[in-house]
Amino acid sequence: MGSSDIMRYVALMLMQSCRLFFNSWAGQKVTDHSVEVSIAARNTYASFLFVFKHPDDLDQIIELIPTMSGVVSCGAKFASLVYYSEKFKDLLQHVHDDWMNVSKKVEQIFNRYMEVSWRFTSIYTVWIATFLTGFTLLPLINPLLDIILPLNVTRPKKFIHPAEMLVDHEKYYHILLIIMYYGYFINMVIVLAIDTIHFVLIQHACALFDVLKYELLYN
């Protein structure tokens, strides 16, 4: 057995182990959206499998660095949210309680900071969605050029990023591309949800300090 066969076997075992873990995640109580997390995770280990299987392809590995960095960041955000889920629930409950039975002036203060949160989340969501849409549409350039400016040969099909799926990429290209798109969508939702929650909580904390200032000055 040569080194390439050993690498292929290790990659296959790693993929099967990851698939077993994420497929069994649906029966766990970690999250109510484990199926979506499983699909998003497939993009992750497909990228790492590509690195393991093609360690000498430096150009493709360098191309993978932004994607892998985003995946690691998204995974860290999701893991922190799961780990501190009870604390997040307590914080959101405190926010709810703070909004109940407040005076007119305090409500105005809360509304002012809420408007800042709304503007930030709107701009942030549009920016992330626009960037990700432009990035994920890159694989559609070659099929579009085949229609607009056809050549004697069909242009090569490409994925959003280099990945190793351990199946025939040509035969299952469209299915694999759809899985990639769905995985990117889930990752985007995770990042947007967690980042906006953090910002809303920060703005609410700032509003509480503003309320405290008002109470100290006028009461």
N, C-alpha and C. Protein backbone atom coordinates (compact mmCIF):
# COMPACT_ATOMS: atom_id res chain seq x y z
N MET A 1 0.85 -1.20 0.00
CA MET A 1 0.00 0.00 0.00
C MET A 1 0.88 1.24 0.00
N GLY A 2 0.70 2.10 -1.04
CA GLY A 2 1.50 3.30 -1.15
C GLY A 2 1.01 4.42 -0.25
N SER A 3 1.76 5.51 -0.26
CA SER A 3 1.40 6.65 0.60
C SER A 3 0.06 7.27 0.17
N SER A 4 -0.20 7.30 -1.16
CA SER A 4 -1.46 7.86 -1.62
C SER A 4 -2.65 7.02 -1.17
N ASP A 5 -2.47 5.69 -1.17
CA ASP A 5 -3.54 4.80 -0.71
C ASP A 5 -3.79 4.97 0.78
N ILE A 6 -2.73 5.15 1.54
CA ILE A 6 -2.87 5.37 2.99
C ILE A 6 -3.61 6.68 3.25
N MET A 7 -3.24 7.72 2.52
CA MET A 7 -3.90 9.02 2.69
C MET A 7 -5.37 8.94 2.32
N ARG A 8 -5.68 8.20 1.23
CA ARG A 8 -7.07 8.03 0.82
C ARG A 8 -7.87 7.28 1.90
N TYR A 9 -7.25 6.26 2.49
CA TYR A 9 -7.93 5.47 3.53
C TYR A 9 -8.17 6.32 4.77
N VAL A 10 -7.17 7.10 5.18
CA VAL A 10 -7.32 7.97 6.35
C VAL A 10 -8.41 9.00 6.11
N ALA A 11 -8.43 9.58 4.91
CA ALA A 11 -9.45 10.58 4.59
C ALA A 11 -10.84 9.96 4.62
N LEU A 12 -10.96 8.73 4.09
CA LEU A 12 -12.25 8.05 4.09
C LEU A 12 -12.73 7.78 5.52
N MET A 13 -11.84 7.31 6.38
CA MET A 13 -12.21 7.03 7.77
C MET A 13 -12.59 8.31 8.50
N LEU A 14 -11.86 9.39 8.24
CA LEU A 14 -12.19 10.66 8.89
C LEU A 14 -13.56 11.15 8.46
N MET A 15 -13.86 11.05 7.15
CA MET A 15 -15.15 11.49 6.66
C MET A 15 -16.28 10.66 7.26
N GLN A 16 -16.10 9.34 7.32
CA GLN A 16 -17.13 8.47 7.88
C GLN A 16 -17.34 8.75 9.36
N SER A 17 -16.27 9.05 10.08
CA SER A 17 -16.39 9.35 11.51
C SER A 17 -17.16 10.65 11.71
N CYS A 18 -16.83 11.68 10.91
CA CYS A 18 -17.55 12.95 11.01
C CYS A 18 -19.02 12.78 10.63
N ARG A 19 -19.27 12.01 9.58
CA ARG A 19 -20.65 11.80 9.15
C ARG A 19 -21.45 11.07 10.24
N LEU A 20 -20.84 10.05 10.87
CA LEU A 20 -21.52 9.33 11.94
C LEU A 20 -21.84 10.25 13.10
N PHE A 21 -20.89 11.14 13.45
CA PHE A 21 -21.11 12.05 14.56
C PHE A 21 -22.25 13.01 14.29
N PHE A 22 -22.22 13.65 13.12
CA PHE A 22 -23.24 14.66 12.82
C PHE A 22 -24.59 14.04 12.50
N ASN A 23 -24.61 12.83 11.94
CA ASN A 23 -25.89 12.18 11.70
C ASN A 23 -26.55 11.75 13.01
N SER A 24 -25.74 11.41 14.01
CA SER A 24 -26.30 11.03 15.31
C SER A 24 -26.64 12.25 16.15
N TRP A 25 -26.20 13.43 15.70
CA TRP A 25 -26.45 14.65 16.47
C TRP A 25 -27.95 14.95 16.56
N ALA A 26 -28.71 14.49 15.55
CA ALA A 26 -30.14 14.78 15.55
C ALA A 26 -30.84 14.19 16.77
N GLY A 27 -30.28 13.15 17.35
CA GLY A 27 -30.90 12.54 18.52
C GLY A 27 -30.45 13.14 19.83
N GLN A 28 -29.55 14.12 19.76
CA GLN A 28 -29.05 14.74 20.97
C GLN A 28 -29.82 16.01 21.27
N LYS A 29 -29.68 16.55 22.45
CA LYS A 29 -30.41 17.74 22.87
C LYS A 29 -29.54 18.99 22.80
N VAL A 30 -28.48 18.93 21.99
CA VAL A 30 -27.61 20.09 21.89
C VAL A 30 -28.31 21.25 21.21
N THR A 31 -29.06 20.96 20.16
CA THR A 31 -29.73 22.00 19.39
C THR A 31 -30.95 21.44 18.72
N ASP A 32 -31.93 22.28 18.46
CA ASP A 32 -33.14 21.86 17.76
C ASP A 32 -32.95 21.89 16.25
N HIS A 33 -31.79 22.34 15.77
CA HIS A 33 -31.56 22.46 14.34
C HIS A 33 -30.34 21.65 13.93
N SER A 34 -30.22 20.42 14.46
CA SER A 34 -29.03 19.62 14.25
C SER A 34 -28.89 19.16 12.80
N VAL A 35 -29.99 18.98 12.08
CA VAL A 35 -29.91 18.56 10.68
C VAL A 35 -29.23 19.64 9.86
N GLU A 36 -29.63 20.90 10.06
CA GLU A 36 -29.00 22.00 9.35
C GLU A 36 -27.52 22.11 9.72
N VAL A 37 -27.21 21.92 10.99
CA VAL A 37 -25.82 21.97 11.43
C VAL A 37 -25.01 20.85 10.76
N SER A 38 -25.63 19.67 10.63
CA SER A 38 -24.97 18.54 9.99
C SER A 38 -24.61 18.87 8.55
N ILE A 39 -25.56 19.45 7.80
CA ILE A 39 -25.32 19.78 6.40
C ILE A 39 -24.24 20.84 6.29
N ALA A 40 -24.30 21.84 7.16
CA ALA A 40 -23.28 22.89 7.13
C ALA A 40 -21.90 22.31 7.47
N ALA A 41 -21.87 21.32 8.36
CA ALA A 41 -20.59 20.72 8.77
C ALA A 41 -19.96 19.92 7.64
N ARG A 42 -20.76 19.41 6.72
CA ARG A 42 -20.21 18.64 5.61
C ARG A 42 -19.26 19.50 4.78
N ASN A 43 -19.57 20.77 4.61
CA ASN A 43 -18.65 21.65 3.90
C ASN A 43 -17.33 21.76 4.63
N THR A 44 -17.39 21.70 5.95
CA THR A 44 -16.18 21.84 6.76
C THR A 44 -15.23 20.69 6.54
N TYR A 45 -15.72 19.46 6.75
CA TYR A 45 -14.77 18.36 6.64
C TYR A 45 -14.44 18.05 5.19
N ALA A 46 -15.28 18.46 4.23
CA ALA A 46 -14.93 18.31 2.82
C ALA A 46 -13.71 19.17 2.49
N SER A 47 -13.64 20.37 3.09
CA SER A 47 -12.49 21.25 2.87
C SER A 47 -11.23 20.67 3.50
N PHE A 48 -11.35 20.18 4.73
CA PHE A 48 -10.19 19.62 5.40
C PHE A 48 -9.73 18.32 4.73
N LEU A 49 -10.67 17.55 4.22
CA LEU A 49 -10.31 16.33 3.50
C LEU A 49 -9.53 16.65 2.24
N PHE A 50 -9.88 17.75 1.59
CA PHE A 50 -9.15 18.16 0.39
C PHE A 50 -7.69 18.44 0.75
N VAL A 51 -7.46 19.11 1.88
CA VAL A 51 -6.09 19.41 2.30
C VAL A 51 -5.33 18.13 2.60
N PHE A 52 -5.99 17.17 3.28
CA PHE A 52 -5.34 15.91 3.60
C PHE A 52 -5.02 15.10 2.34
N LYS A 53 -5.92 15.17 1.37
CA LYS A 53 -5.75 14.34 0.17
C LYS A 53 -4.83 14.98 -0.86
N HIS A 54 -4.75 16.32 -0.84
CA HIS A 54 -3.91 17.03 -1.82
C HIS A 54 -2.94 17.96 -1.08
N PRO A 55 -2.05 17.41 -0.27
CA PRO A 55 -1.16 18.28 0.52
C PRO A 55 -0.14 19.05 -0.32
N ASP A 56 0.09 18.63 -1.57
CA ASP A 56 1.08 19.30 -2.41
C ASP A 56 0.47 20.38 -3.30
N ASP A 57 -0.85 20.48 -3.33
CA ASP A 57 -1.52 21.48 -4.17
C ASP A 57 -1.63 22.79 -3.41
N LEU A 58 -0.52 23.54 -3.38
CA LEU A 58 -0.47 24.75 -2.56
C LEU A 58 -1.42 25.83 -3.05
N ASP A 59 -1.60 25.93 -4.36
CA ASP A 59 -2.49 26.96 -4.90
C ASP A 59 -3.93 26.76 -4.40
N GLN A 60 -4.39 25.52 -4.44
CA GLN A 60 -5.75 25.23 -3.98
C GLN A 60 -5.87 25.39 -2.48
N ILE A 61 -4.81 25.01 -1.75
CA ILE A 61 -4.84 25.14 -0.29
C ILE A 61 -4.89 26.62 0.10
N ILE A 62 -4.11 27.46 -0.60
CA ILE A 62 -4.16 28.90 -0.32
C ILE A 62 -5.55 29.46 -0.64
N GLU A 63 -6.16 28.95 -1.70
CA GLU A 63 -7.51 29.38 -2.06
C GLU A 63 -8.51 28.98 -0.98
N LEU A 64 -8.21 27.92 -0.24
CA LEU A 64 -9.11 27.43 0.80
C LEU A 64 -8.99 28.20 2.11
N ILE A 65 -7.91 28.94 2.29
CA ILE A 65 -7.66 29.59 3.58
C ILE A 65 -8.81 30.50 4.01
N PRO A 66 -9.34 31.41 3.15
CA PRO A 66 -10.47 32.25 3.60
C PRO A 66 -11.69 31.43 4.00
N THR A 67 -12.00 30.39 3.21
CA THR A 67 -13.16 29.56 3.52
C THR A 67 -12.98 28.83 4.84
N MET A 68 -11.80 28.24 5.04
CA MET A 68 -11.55 27.50 6.27
C MET A 68 -11.53 28.44 7.48
N SER A 69 -11.02 29.65 7.28
CA SER A 69 -11.03 30.62 8.38
C SER A 69 -12.46 30.98 8.77
N GLY A 70 -13.31 31.19 7.75
CA GLY A 70 -14.71 31.47 8.04
C GLY A 70 -15.42 30.32 8.71
N VAL A 71 -15.09 29.10 8.28
CA VAL A 71 -15.71 27.91 8.87
C VAL A 71 -15.32 27.77 10.33
N VAL A 72 -14.03 27.96 10.62
CA VAL A 72 -13.56 27.87 12.01
C VAL A 72 -14.22 28.94 12.87
N SER A 73 -14.31 30.17 12.34
CA SER A 73 -14.95 31.25 13.07
C SER A 73 -16.42 30.94 13.34
N CYS A 74 -17.11 30.44 12.32
CA CYS A 74 -18.53 30.09 12.48
C CYS A 74 -18.70 28.98 13.51
N GLY A 75 -17.83 27.96 13.44
CA GLY A 75 -17.90 26.86 14.40
C GLY A 75 -17.66 27.33 15.82
N ALA A 76 -16.69 28.25 15.98
CA ALA A 76 -16.40 28.77 17.32
C ALA A 76 -17.58 29.57 17.86
N LYS A 77 -18.21 30.36 17.00
CA LYS A 77 -19.39 31.14 17.43
C LYS A 77 -20.52 30.20 17.87
N PHE A 78 -20.77 29.18 17.05
CA PHE A 78 -21.86 28.26 17.37
C PHE A 78 -21.57 27.48 18.65
N ALA A 79 -20.31 27.03 18.80
CA ALA A 79 -19.94 26.27 19.99
C ALA A 79 -20.09 27.13 21.25
N SER A 80 -19.70 28.40 21.16
CA SER A 80 -19.83 29.29 22.33
C SER A 80 -21.29 29.52 22.66
N LEU A 81 -22.14 29.65 21.62
CA LEU A 81 -23.57 29.85 21.87
C LEU A 81 -24.18 28.63 22.56
N VAL A 82 -23.79 27.44 22.10
CA VAL A 82 -24.31 26.21 22.72
C VAL A 82 -23.81 26.09 24.15
N TYR A 83 -22.52 26.38 24.36
CA TYR A 83 -21.91 26.21 25.68
C TYR A 83 -22.52 27.19 26.69
N TYR A 84 -22.79 28.42 26.24
CA TYR A 84 -23.35 29.44 27.14
C TYR A 84 -24.84 29.67 26.89
N SER A 85 -25.53 28.65 26.41
CA SER A 85 -26.94 28.81 26.05
C SER A 85 -27.78 29.24 27.25
N GLU A 86 -27.53 28.69 28.43
CA GLU A 86 -28.31 29.06 29.61
C GLU A 86 -28.07 30.51 30.00
N LYS A 87 -26.83 30.96 29.87
CA LYS A 87 -26.54 32.36 30.19
C LYS A 87 -27.20 33.30 29.19
N PHE A 88 -27.23 32.88 27.92
CA PHE A 88 -27.92 33.69 26.92
C PHE A 88 -29.41 33.77 27.23
N LYS A 89 -29.99 32.66 27.65
CA LYS A 89 -31.41 32.67 28.01
C LYS A 89 -31.67 33.62 29.17
N ASP A 90 -30.77 33.59 30.17
CA ASP A 90 -30.93 34.50 31.32
C ASP A 90 -30.82 35.96 30.88
N LEU A 91 -29.85 36.24 29.98
CA LEU A 91 -29.68 37.62 29.51
C LEU A 91 -30.92 38.10 28.74
N LEU A 92 -31.43 37.25 27.88
CA LEU A 92 -32.63 37.62 27.12
C LEU A 92 -33.84 37.79 28.03
N GLN A 93 -33.91 36.99 29.09
CA GLN A 93 -35.00 37.15 30.05
C GLN A 93 -34.86 38.49 30.79
N HIS A 94 -33.62 38.86 31.12
CA HIS A 94 -33.39 40.16 31.76
C HIS A 94 -33.80 41.30 30.84
N VAL A 95 -33.48 41.17 29.56
CA VAL A 95 -33.88 42.19 28.59
C VAL A 95 -35.40 42.32 28.56
N HIS A 96 -36.08 41.18 28.54
CA HIS A 96 -37.54 41.19 28.53
C HIS A 96 -38.09 41.86 29.79
N ASP A 97 -37.51 41.51 30.94
CA ASP A 97 -37.97 42.09 32.21
C ASP A 97 -37.71 43.60 32.27
N ASP A 98 -36.58 44.03 31.69
CA ASP A 98 -36.26 45.45 31.71
C ASP A 98 -37.26 46.27 30.89
N TRP A 99 -37.82 45.65 29.86
CA TRP A 99 -38.78 46.37 29.02
C TRP A 99 -40.17 46.42 29.63
N MET A 100 -40.42 45.62 30.65
CA MET A 100 -41.74 45.58 31.27
C MET A 100 -41.86 46.66 32.35
N ASN A 101 -43.00 47.35 32.35
CA ASN A 101 -43.33 48.32 33.40
C ASN A 101 -42.27 49.42 33.55
N VAL A 102 -41.85 50.00 32.43
CA VAL A 102 -40.87 51.09 32.49
C VAL A 102 -41.60 52.42 32.31
N SER A 103 -40.95 53.47 32.76
CA SER A 103 -41.54 54.79 32.60
C SER A 103 -41.41 55.25 31.15
N LYS A 104 -42.10 56.35 30.84
CA LYS A 104 -42.08 56.86 29.49
C LYS A 104 -40.67 57.27 29.06
N LYS A 105 -39.95 57.92 29.94
CA LYS A 105 -38.60 58.38 29.61
C LYS A 105 -37.67 57.19 29.40
N VAL A 106 -37.76 56.19 30.28
CA VAL A 106 -36.90 55.01 30.15
C VAL A 106 -37.21 54.28 28.85
N GLU A 107 -38.49 54.21 28.50
CA GLU A 107 -38.86 53.56 27.24
C GLU A 107 -38.28 54.31 26.04
N GLN A 108 -38.24 55.63 26.13
CA GLN A 108 -37.62 56.41 25.05
C GLN A 108 -36.14 56.11 24.92
N ILE A 109 -35.48 55.96 26.05
CA ILE A 109 -34.04 55.61 26.03
C ILE A 109 -33.84 54.25 25.38
N PHE A 110 -34.65 53.27 25.81
CA PHE A 110 -34.56 51.93 25.23
C PHE A 110 -34.82 51.96 23.72
N ASN A 111 -35.82 52.73 23.31
CA ASN A 111 -36.17 52.81 21.89
C ASN A 111 -35.03 53.42 21.08
N ARG A 112 -34.34 54.40 21.66
CA ARG A 112 -33.23 55.04 20.94
C ARG A 112 -32.11 54.04 20.67
N TYR A 113 -31.78 53.25 21.67
CA TYR A 113 -30.73 52.25 21.47
C TYR A 113 -31.22 51.09 20.61
N MET A 114 -32.52 50.80 20.67
CA MET A 114 -33.06 49.75 19.83
C MET A 114 -32.98 50.13 18.36
N GLU A 115 -33.18 51.41 18.05
CA GLU A 115 -33.07 51.88 16.68
C GLU A 115 -31.64 51.74 16.17
N VAL A 116 -30.67 51.98 17.04
CA VAL A 116 -29.26 51.79 16.66
C VAL A 116 -29.01 50.31 16.35
N SER A 117 -29.55 49.43 17.20
CA SER A 117 -29.41 47.99 16.97
C SER A 117 -30.04 47.58 15.66
N TRP A 118 -31.24 48.12 15.38
CA TRP A 118 -31.94 47.77 14.14
C TRP A 118 -31.15 48.22 12.92
N ARG A 119 -30.59 49.43 12.96
CA ARG A 119 -29.80 49.92 11.82
C ARG A 119 -28.57 49.06 11.61
N PHE A 120 -27.89 48.72 12.70
CA PHE A 120 -26.68 47.91 12.58
C PHE A 120 -27.00 46.53 12.01
N THR A 121 -28.01 45.87 12.57
CA THR A 121 -28.34 44.52 12.10
C THR A 121 -28.78 44.54 10.65
N SER A 122 -29.49 45.58 10.24
CA SER A 122 -29.93 45.67 8.84
C SER A 122 -28.74 45.83 7.90
N ILE A 123 -27.85 46.78 8.23
CA ILE A 123 -26.66 47.00 7.39
C ILE A 123 -25.76 45.77 7.38
N TYR A 124 -25.57 45.19 8.55
CA TYR A 124 -24.70 44.01 8.66
C TYR A 124 -25.27 42.83 7.87
N THR A 125 -26.57 42.63 7.95
CA THR A 125 -27.21 41.53 7.22
C THR A 125 -27.09 41.73 5.71
N VAL A 126 -27.35 42.95 5.25
CA VAL A 126 -27.25 43.23 3.81
C VAL A 126 -25.82 43.06 3.33
N TRP A 127 -24.85 43.52 4.13
CA TRP A 127 -23.45 43.41 3.73
C TRP A 127 -23.01 41.95 3.65
N ILE A 128 -23.32 41.16 4.67
CA ILE A 128 -22.94 39.75 4.67
C ILE A 128 -23.62 39.01 3.52
N ALA A 129 -24.92 39.25 3.34
CA ALA A 129 -25.68 38.55 2.29
C ALA A 129 -25.15 38.92 0.91
N THR A 130 -24.82 40.20 0.70
CA THR A 130 -24.31 40.63 -0.60
C THR A 130 -22.95 40.01 -0.89
N PHE A 131 -22.07 40.06 0.09
CA PHE A 131 -20.73 39.48 -0.09
C PHE A 131 -20.82 37.98 -0.35
N LEU A 132 -21.62 37.28 0.45
CA LEU A 132 -21.71 35.83 0.31
C LEU A 132 -22.37 35.43 -1.01
N THR A 133 -23.38 36.20 -1.43
CA THR A 133 -24.04 35.92 -2.70
C THR A 133 -23.06 36.06 -3.86
N GLY A 134 -22.29 37.14 -3.85
CA GLY A 134 -21.30 37.33 -4.91
C GLY A 134 -20.25 36.24 -4.92
N PHE A 135 -19.83 35.81 -3.74
CA PHE A 135 -18.80 34.77 -3.65
C PHE A 135 -19.33 33.42 -4.12
N THR A 136 -20.55 33.08 -3.72
CA THR A 136 -21.09 31.76 -4.05
C THR A 136 -21.57 31.66 -5.50
N LEU A 137 -21.72 32.78 -6.18
CA LEU A 137 -22.14 32.74 -7.58
C LEU A 137 -20.97 32.49 -8.54
N LEU A 138 -19.75 32.47 -8.03
CA LEU A 138 -18.58 32.26 -8.89
C LEU A 138 -18.65 30.95 -9.68
N PRO A 139 -19.12 29.83 -9.09
CA PRO A 139 -19.17 28.59 -9.88
C PRO A 139 -20.11 28.66 -11.08
N LEU A 140 -21.03 29.61 -11.10
CA LEU A 140 -21.99 29.72 -12.21
C LEU A 140 -21.45 30.51 -13.39
N ILE A 141 -20.23 31.06 -13.25
CA ILE A 141 -19.67 31.87 -14.33
C ILE A 141 -19.39 31.02 -15.56
N ASN A 142 -18.73 29.87 -15.38
CA ASN A 142 -18.39 29.03 -16.53
C ASN A 142 -19.63 28.51 -17.27
N PRO A 143 -20.65 27.97 -16.57
CA PRO A 143 -21.87 27.57 -17.31
C PRO A 143 -22.53 28.73 -18.04
N LEU A 144 -22.47 29.93 -17.42
CA LEU A 144 -23.07 31.10 -18.08
C LEU A 144 -22.28 31.48 -19.32
N LEU A 145 -20.95 31.40 -19.25
CA LEU A 145 -20.12 31.69 -20.41
C LEU A 145 -20.31 30.67 -21.52
N ASP A 146 -20.58 29.41 -21.14
CA ASP A 146 -20.86 28.39 -22.15
C ASP A 146 -22.10 28.72 -22.96
N ILE A 147 -23.03 29.44 -22.34
CA ILE A 147 -24.24 29.84 -23.05
C ILE A 147 -24.01 31.10 -23.87
N ILE A 148 -23.33 32.08 -23.26
CA ILE A 148 -23.14 33.37 -23.93
C ILE A 148 -22.03 33.30 -24.98
N LEU A 149 -20.87 32.75 -24.57
CA LEU A 149 -19.72 32.65 -25.46
C LEU A 149 -19.26 31.20 -25.53
N PRO A 150 -19.98 30.35 -26.24
CA PRO A 150 -19.63 28.93 -26.28
C PRO A 150 -18.29 28.69 -26.98
N LEU A 151 -17.59 27.67 -26.48
CA LEU A 151 -16.33 27.24 -27.07
C LEU A 151 -16.52 25.86 -27.68
N ASN A 152 -15.46 25.36 -28.30
CA ASN A 152 -15.53 24.01 -28.86
C ASN A 152 -15.57 22.95 -27.77
N VAL A 153 -15.09 23.31 -26.60
CA VAL A 153 -15.11 22.39 -25.45
C VAL A 153 -15.87 23.05 -24.31
N THR A 154 -16.44 22.22 -23.46
CA THR A 154 -17.16 22.73 -22.30
C THR A 154 -16.18 23.20 -21.24
N ARG A 155 -16.42 24.35 -20.71
CA ARG A 155 -15.55 24.85 -19.65
C ARG A 155 -15.66 23.97 -18.41
N PRO A 156 -14.57 23.86 -17.62
CA PRO A 156 -14.61 22.97 -16.44
C PRO A 156 -15.60 23.45 -15.38
N LYS A 157 -16.23 22.49 -14.73
CA LYS A 157 -17.15 22.81 -13.65
C LYS A 157 -16.36 23.02 -12.36
N LYS A 158 -16.74 24.03 -11.61
CA LYS A 158 -16.04 24.35 -10.38
C LYS A 158 -17.02 24.44 -9.21
N PHE A 159 -16.49 24.15 -8.02
CA PHE A 159 -17.27 24.34 -6.80
C PHE A 159 -17.00 25.73 -6.24
N ILE A 160 -17.71 26.06 -5.18
CA ILE A 160 -17.49 27.36 -4.53
C ILE A 160 -16.07 27.44 -3.99
N HIS A 161 -15.60 26.35 -3.47
CA HIS A 161 -14.23 26.24 -2.98
C HIS A 161 -13.75 24.82 -3.23
N PRO A 162 -12.43 24.59 -3.29
CA PRO A 162 -11.93 23.22 -3.46
C PRO A 162 -12.41 22.33 -2.33
N ALA A 163 -12.92 21.16 -2.68
CA ALA A 163 -13.45 20.24 -1.68
C ALA A 163 -13.29 18.82 -2.17
N GLU A 164 -13.18 17.90 -1.25
CA GLU A 164 -13.08 16.48 -1.57
C GLU A 164 -14.30 15.76 -0.99
N MET A 165 -15.20 15.32 -1.87
CA MET A 165 -16.44 14.68 -1.45
C MET A 165 -16.37 13.15 -1.48
N LEU A 166 -15.25 12.61 -2.04
CA LEU A 166 -15.07 11.17 -2.14
C LEU A 166 -16.13 10.51 -3.01
N VAL A 167 -16.71 11.27 -3.92
CA VAL A 167 -17.61 10.72 -4.94
C VAL A 167 -17.23 11.37 -6.27
N ASP A 168 -17.83 10.91 -7.35
CA ASP A 168 -17.55 11.45 -8.68
C ASP A 168 -18.09 12.88 -8.77
N HIS A 169 -17.18 13.84 -8.85
CA HIS A 169 -17.60 15.24 -8.88
C HIS A 169 -18.38 15.59 -10.14
N GLU A 170 -18.02 14.99 -11.26
CA GLU A 170 -18.73 15.28 -12.50
C GLU A 170 -20.15 14.70 -12.48
N LYS A 171 -20.27 13.49 -11.99
CA LYS A 171 -21.56 12.82 -11.99
C LYS A 171 -22.54 13.47 -11.03
N TYR A 172 -22.05 13.85 -9.86
CA TYR A 172 -22.93 14.41 -8.83
C TYR A 172 -22.69 15.90 -8.62
N TYR A 173 -22.23 16.58 -9.66
CA TYR A 173 -21.83 17.98 -9.52
C TYR A 173 -22.96 18.85 -8.97
N HIS A 174 -24.13 18.78 -9.58
CA HIS A 174 -25.23 19.67 -9.20
C HIS A 174 -25.73 19.38 -7.79
N ILE A 175 -25.77 18.10 -7.41
CA ILE A 175 -26.20 17.74 -6.05
C ILE A 175 -25.20 18.28 -5.03
N LEU A 176 -23.91 18.08 -5.31
CA LEU A 176 -22.87 18.55 -4.38
C LEU A 176 -22.88 20.08 -4.29
N LEU A 177 -23.13 20.74 -5.43
CA LEU A 177 -23.15 22.21 -5.41
C LEU A 177 -24.34 22.72 -4.59
N ILE A 178 -25.48 22.06 -4.71
CA ILE A 178 -26.65 22.45 -3.91
C ILE A 178 -26.36 22.28 -2.42
N ILE A 179 -25.70 21.16 -2.07
CA ILE A 179 -25.34 20.94 -0.66
C ILE A 179 -24.41 22.05 -0.18
N MET A 180 -23.46 22.44 -1.02
CA MET A 180 -22.56 23.53 -0.65
C MET A 180 -23.32 24.83 -0.44
N TYR A 181 -24.23 25.14 -1.35
CA TYR A 181 -25.01 26.38 -1.22
C TYR A 181 -25.81 26.36 0.08
N TYR A 182 -26.43 25.25 0.39
CA TYR A 182 -27.22 25.16 1.62
C TYR A 182 -26.32 25.30 2.84
N GLY A 183 -25.15 24.69 2.78
CA GLY A 183 -24.21 24.82 3.90
C GLY A 183 -23.76 26.24 4.11
N TYR A 184 -23.48 26.95 3.02
CA TYR A 184 -23.11 28.36 3.14
C TYR A 184 -24.26 29.18 3.72
N PHE A 185 -25.47 28.86 3.30
CA PHE A 185 -26.63 29.60 3.82
C PHE A 185 -26.77 29.39 5.33
N ILE A 186 -26.62 28.15 5.80
CA ILE A 186 -26.73 27.86 7.22
C ILE A 186 -25.62 28.57 8.00
N ASN A 187 -24.40 28.54 7.46
CA ASN A 187 -23.30 29.25 8.12
C ASN A 187 -23.57 30.74 8.21
N MET A 188 -24.13 31.31 7.14
CA MET A 188 -24.46 32.74 7.16
C MET A 188 -25.50 33.05 8.23
N VAL A 189 -26.52 32.20 8.32
CA VAL A 189 -27.56 32.42 9.33
C VAL A 189 -26.98 32.34 10.73
N ILE A 190 -26.10 31.37 10.97
CA ILE A 190 -25.48 31.23 12.28
C ILE A 190 -24.68 32.48 12.65
N VAL A 191 -23.85 32.94 11.71
CA VAL A 191 -23.02 34.13 11.97
C VAL A 191 -23.89 35.36 12.22
N LEU A 192 -24.89 35.57 11.37
CA LEU A 192 -25.76 36.73 11.54
C LEU A 192 -26.52 36.68 12.85
N ALA A 193 -27.06 35.52 13.19
CA ALA A 193 -27.84 35.40 14.42
C ALA A 193 -26.99 35.69 15.65
N ILE A 194 -25.81 35.08 15.72
CA ILE A 194 -24.97 35.22 16.91
C ILE A 194 -24.39 36.63 17.01
N ASP A 195 -23.89 37.17 15.90
CA ASP A 195 -23.30 38.51 15.95
C ASP A 195 -24.35 39.57 16.30
N THR A 196 -25.54 39.46 15.73
CA THR A 196 -26.57 40.46 16.02
C THR A 196 -27.08 40.33 17.46
N ILE A 197 -27.13 39.10 17.98
CA ILE A 197 -27.51 38.93 19.39
C ILE A 197 -26.51 39.64 20.29
N HIS A 198 -25.22 39.46 19.99
CA HIS A 198 -24.20 40.12 20.79
C HIS A 198 -24.36 41.64 20.74
N PHE A 199 -24.60 42.17 19.55
CA PHE A 199 -24.72 43.62 19.42
C PHE A 199 -25.96 44.14 20.14
N VAL A 200 -27.06 43.41 20.02
CA VAL A 200 -28.28 43.84 20.71
C VAL A 200 -28.08 43.86 22.22
N LEU A 201 -27.41 42.85 22.75
CA LEU A 201 -27.15 42.80 24.19
C LEU A 201 -26.22 43.94 24.62
N ILE A 202 -25.22 44.24 23.79
CA ILE A 202 -24.32 45.36 24.11
C ILE A 202 -25.08 46.68 24.12
N GLN A 203 -25.96 46.87 23.12
CA GLN A 203 -26.74 48.10 23.07
C GLN A 203 -27.70 48.21 24.25
N HIS A 204 -28.25 47.07 24.67
CA HIS A 204 -29.15 47.11 25.82
C HIS A 204 -28.38 47.46 27.09
N ALA A 205 -27.16 46.93 27.22
CA ALA A 205 -26.34 47.28 28.38
C ALA A 205 -26.02 48.78 28.37
N CYS A 206 -25.73 49.34 27.19
CA CYS A 206 -25.49 50.78 27.09
C CYS A 206 -26.74 51.57 27.48
N ALA A 207 -27.90 51.06 27.08
CA ALA A 207 -29.15 51.72 27.44
C ALA A 207 -29.36 51.71 28.94
N LEU A 208 -28.99 50.61 29.61
CA LEU A 208 -29.13 50.54 31.07
C LEU A 208 -28.24 51.57 31.75
N PHE A 209 -27.03 51.76 31.23
CA PHE A 209 -26.16 52.79 31.80
C PHE A 209 -26.75 54.18 31.58
N ASP A 210 -27.37 54.37 30.43
CA ASP A 210 -28.02 55.66 30.16
C ASP A 210 -29.20 55.88 31.10
N VAL A 211 -29.94 54.81 31.38
CA VAL A 211 -31.05 54.90 32.32
C VAL A 211 -30.53 55.22 33.72
N LEU A 212 -29.43 54.58 34.09
CA LEU A 212 -28.84 54.85 35.41
C LEU A 212 -28.41 56.31 35.51
N LYS A 213 -27.82 56.83 34.45
CA LYS A 213 -27.43 58.25 34.44
C LYS A 213 -28.65 59.15 34.62
N TYR A 214 -29.73 58.81 33.93
CA TYR A 214 -30.96 59.61 34.04
C TYR A 214 -31.51 59.55 35.46
N GLU A 215 -31.51 58.36 36.06
CA GLU A 215 -32.05 58.23 37.41
C GLU A 215 -31.20 58.99 38.43
N LEU A 216 -29.89 58.98 38.25
CA LEU A 216 -29.01 59.69 39.18
C LEU A 216 -29.14 61.22 39.05
N LEU A 217 -29.41 61.69 37.86
CA LEU A 217 -29.50 63.13 37.64
C LEU A 217 -30.86 63.71 38.02
N TYR A 218 -31.92 62.96 37.80
CA TYR A 218 -33.25 63.55 37.94
C TYR A 218 -34.11 62.90 39.03
N ASN A 219 -33.60 61.89 39.70
CA ASN A 219 -34.38 61.26 40.77
C ASN A 219 -33.56 61.19 42.06
